[in-house]
């Protein structure tokens, strides 16, 4: 169950200043601190950004078949991701399911004309685009270096045009030393 942000008291200075929750106050304090650091140290290379995440339900549709209309339910389950979810939503769910910290560095990258994410310097590469080809899979495999090996790769189950392409993609990644390949 999602936790509801604690409201600021009705007569508080924060409420009078326009802040409805303690979380809003915290975000504003972080913004102001980052601005002050930039003013005091204009040459800083520090990452002064922050992420605000909200707990939601899983991005994956629950399997709840209607035995009177099983054929329709089966066809609907081909794309198992809820329709209103973004690739970023999928990425964060993957991080949570792997037990990885949500504070790891994440970089949006292009891989053979597809959008992907590199997490922790290619330790995990996630690509949720449609129409993934073996060229794209090879480009992901080529990201792996001895200094920064790709340890895990995650795709959307519907990323592949067919099961043969999916099977060949998994085998190609395994041939290059990437054993942990997941499709959600």
Protein backbone atom coordinates (compact mmCIF):
# COMPACT_ATOMS: atom_id res chain seq x y z
CA UNK A 1 0.00 0.00 0.00
CA UNK A 2 1.33 3.44 -0.91
CA UNK A 3 2.11 5.76 1.94
CA UNK A 4 0.28 9.07 1.81
CA UNK A 5 2.58 12.09 2.27
CA UNK A 6 2.13 13.67 5.67
CA UNK A 7 0.41 17.05 5.31
CA UNK A 8 1.83 20.14 6.89
CA UNK A 9 -0.26 21.58 9.72
CA UNK A 10 -2.92 24.06 8.56
CA UNK A 11 -1.47 27.03 10.44
CA UNK A 12 2.24 26.33 9.79
CA UNK A 13 4.65 28.68 8.06
CA UNK A 14 5.19 25.99 5.40
CA UNK A 15 1.48 25.86 4.60
CA UNK A 16 1.35 29.67 4.42
CA UNK A 17 4.30 29.53 1.98
CA UNK A 18 2.35 27.13 -0.26
CA UNK A 19 3.76 23.73 0.73
CA UNK A 20 1.09 21.09 1.28
CA UNK A 21 3.33 18.20 2.35
CA UNK A 22 6.58 17.59 4.15
CA UNK A 23 7.90 15.98 0.93
CA UNK A 24 7.35 19.27 -0.93
CA UNK A 25 9.35 21.09 1.73
CA UNK A 26 12.17 18.55 1.42
CA UNK A 27 12.31 18.88 -2.37
CA UNK A 28 12.45 22.66 -2.14
CA UNK A 29 15.24 22.53 0.46
CA UNK A 30 17.27 20.24 -1.82
CA UNK A 31 16.72 22.60 -4.78
CA UNK A 32 17.83 25.60 -2.71
CA UNK A 33 20.90 23.77 -1.37
CA UNK A 34 21.90 22.77 -4.92
CA UNK A 35 21.48 26.36 -6.10
CA UNK A 36 23.65 27.62 -3.21
CA UNK A 37 26.36 25.05 -3.97
CA UNK A 38 26.38 26.14 -7.63
CA UNK A 39 26.70 29.78 -6.56
CA UNK A 40 29.48 29.09 -4.06
CA UNK A 41 31.33 26.56 -6.26
CA UNK A 42 30.56 27.38 -9.91
CA UNK A 43 33.13 24.87 -11.22
CA UNK A 44 31.68 21.93 -9.29
CA UNK A 45 31.10 18.72 -11.19
CA UNK A 46 28.93 17.27 -8.42
CA UNK A 47 25.60 15.72 -9.35
CA UNK A 48 23.15 17.99 -7.56
CA UNK A 49 20.00 16.46 -8.97
CA UNK A 50 17.58 14.15 -7.24
CA UNK A 51 14.79 11.76 -8.14
CA UNK A 52 11.30 11.67 -6.72
CA UNK A 53 9.68 8.27 -6.99
CA UNK A 54 6.13 7.29 -6.14
CA UNK A 55 5.09 3.77 -5.33
CA UNK A 56 2.59 2.29 -7.77
CA UNK A 57 1.27 -1.10 -8.72
CA UNK A 58 3.29 -3.47 -10.87
CA UNK A 59 3.65 -2.61 -14.55
CA UNK A 60 2.81 -6.19 -15.47
CA UNK A 61 -0.80 -7.19 -16.00
CA UNK A 62 -2.17 -9.68 -13.51
CA UNK A 63 -3.33 -12.96 -14.97
CA UNK A 64 -6.97 -13.29 -13.99
CA UNK A 65 -8.66 -15.36 -16.71
CA UNK A 66 -12.35 -15.27 -17.38
CA UNK A 67 -13.14 -18.89 -18.23
CA UNK A 68 -16.16 -17.77 -20.28
CA UNK A 69 -13.95 -15.61 -22.48
CA UNK A 70 -10.57 -17.34 -22.27
CA UNK A 71 -9.58 -16.75 -25.90
CA UNK A 72 -9.89 -12.98 -25.53
CA UNK A 73 -7.98 -13.08 -22.23
CA UNK A 74 -5.16 -15.08 -23.84
CA UNK A 75 -4.89 -12.65 -26.75
CA UNK A 76 -4.94 -9.71 -24.33
CA UNK A 77 -2.08 -11.29 -22.35
CA UNK A 78 0.28 -11.30 -25.36
CA UNK A 79 1.34 -7.80 -24.33
CA UNK A 80 1.67 -8.26 -20.59
CA UNK A 81 2.56 -4.64 -19.76
CA UNK A 82 -0.14 -2.22 -18.63
CA UNK A 83 -0.86 0.25 -21.44
CA UNK A 84 -0.18 3.46 -19.51
CA UNK A 85 3.34 2.52 -18.38
CA UNK A 86 6.53 4.08 -19.69
CA UNK A 87 9.88 2.44 -20.33
CA UNK A 88 11.19 4.28 -17.25
CA UNK A 89 8.44 2.63 -15.18
CA UNK A 90 9.61 -0.76 -16.46
CA UNK A 91 13.24 0.07 -15.71
CA UNK A 92 12.58 0.96 -12.09
CA UNK A 93 10.48 -2.16 -11.57
CA UNK A 94 13.37 -4.24 -12.95
CA UNK A 95 15.77 -2.53 -10.54
CA UNK A 96 13.45 -3.25 -7.62
CA UNK A 97 12.94 -6.89 -8.65
CA UNK A 98 16.71 -7.41 -8.95
CA UNK A 99 17.14 -5.80 -5.53
CA UNK A 100 19.33 -3.04 -6.95
CA UNK A 101 19.51 0.41 -5.36
CA UNK A 102 17.42 3.05 -7.11
CA UNK A 103 20.34 5.43 -6.66
CA UNK A 104 22.59 3.66 -9.18
CA UNK A 105 23.70 5.86 -12.09
CA UNK A 106 21.33 5.50 -15.04
CA UNK A 107 22.12 6.78 -18.52
CA UNK A 108 19.78 6.78 -21.51
CA UNK A 109 21.71 5.46 -24.52
CA UNK A 110 21.11 4.70 -28.20
CA UNK A 111 21.79 1.15 -29.32
CA UNK A 112 21.37 0.47 -33.06
CA UNK A 113 18.57 3.05 -33.42
CA UNK A 114 16.84 1.89 -30.24
CA UNK A 115 16.54 3.60 -26.88
CA UNK A 116 18.08 1.71 -23.99
CA UNK A 117 19.31 2.35 -20.46
CA UNK A 118 22.73 1.67 -19.07
CA UNK A 119 22.60 1.13 -15.33
CA UNK A 120 25.79 1.34 -13.27
CA UNK A 121 28.07 1.76 -16.30
CA UNK A 122 26.54 -1.08 -18.37
CA UNK A 123 26.25 -3.55 -15.49
CA UNK A 124 22.62 -3.78 -16.54
CA UNK A 125 21.37 -2.78 -19.98
CA UNK A 126 17.62 -2.53 -20.53
CA UNK A 127 15.87 -2.02 -23.86
CA UNK A 128 12.07 -2.04 -24.00
CA UNK A 129 11.60 -0.91 -27.61
CA UNK A 130 9.67 -2.97 -30.15
CA UNK A 131 11.20 -4.59 -33.26
CA UNK A 132 14.52 -5.56 -31.70
CA UNK A 133 16.80 -7.21 -34.25
CA UNK A 134 19.90 -9.32 -33.83
CA UNK A 135 21.90 -6.25 -34.89
CA UNK A 136 20.54 -4.44 -31.84
CA UNK A 137 21.37 -7.42 -29.64
CA UNK A 138 24.92 -7.48 -31.02
CA UNK A 139 25.26 -3.74 -30.35
CA UNK A 140 24.27 -4.40 -26.72
CA UNK A 141 26.80 -7.24 -26.52
CA UNK A 142 29.46 -4.89 -27.90
CA UNK A 143 28.92 -2.55 -24.92
CA UNK A 144 30.57 -5.15 -22.70
CA UNK A 145 34.25 -4.51 -22.00
CA UNK A 146 36.67 -6.13 -19.57
CA UNK A 147 36.59 -2.93 -17.48
CA UNK A 148 32.77 -2.60 -17.59
CA UNK A 149 31.21 -5.95 -18.41
CA UNK A 150 27.51 -6.15 -19.16
CA UNK A 151 26.20 -8.48 -16.47
CA UNK A 152 22.46 -8.38 -17.18
CA UNK A 153 20.26 -7.51 -20.14
CA UNK A 154 16.51 -6.97 -19.94
CA UNK A 155 14.02 -6.71 -22.79
CA UNK A 156 10.29 -6.41 -23.01
CA UNK A 157 8.79 -9.77 -23.96
CA UNK A 158 7.12 -8.17 -26.98
CA UNK A 159 10.35 -6.51 -28.11
CA UNK A 160 11.03 -9.38 -30.47
CA UNK A 161 9.15 -10.02 -33.67
CA UNK A 162 8.95 -13.74 -32.93
CA UNK A 163 10.21 -16.49 -30.63
CA UNK A 164 13.03 -17.46 -32.99
CA UNK A 165 14.53 -13.95 -32.83
CA UNK A 166 14.16 -13.97 -29.04
CA UNK A 167 15.89 -17.36 -28.72
CA UNK A 168 18.71 -16.31 -31.06
CA UNK A 169 19.13 -13.05 -29.13
CA UNK A 170 19.50 -14.87 -25.83
CA UNK A 171 22.01 -17.31 -27.34
CA UNK A 172 24.03 -14.51 -28.95
CA UNK A 173 24.30 -12.69 -25.62
CA UNK A 174 25.32 -15.90 -23.86
CA UNK A 175 28.04 -16.48 -26.47
CA UNK A 176 29.53 -13.12 -25.55
CA UNK A 177 29.50 -13.97 -21.82
CA UNK A 178 26.23 -12.32 -20.80
CA UNK A 179 24.40 -15.09 -18.96
CA UNK A 180 21.64 -13.11 -17.21
CA UNK A 181 19.11 -12.24 -19.92
CA UNK A 182 15.52 -11.50 -18.95
CA UNK A 183 12.40 -10.59 -20.87
CA UNK A 184 9.49 -9.15 -18.96
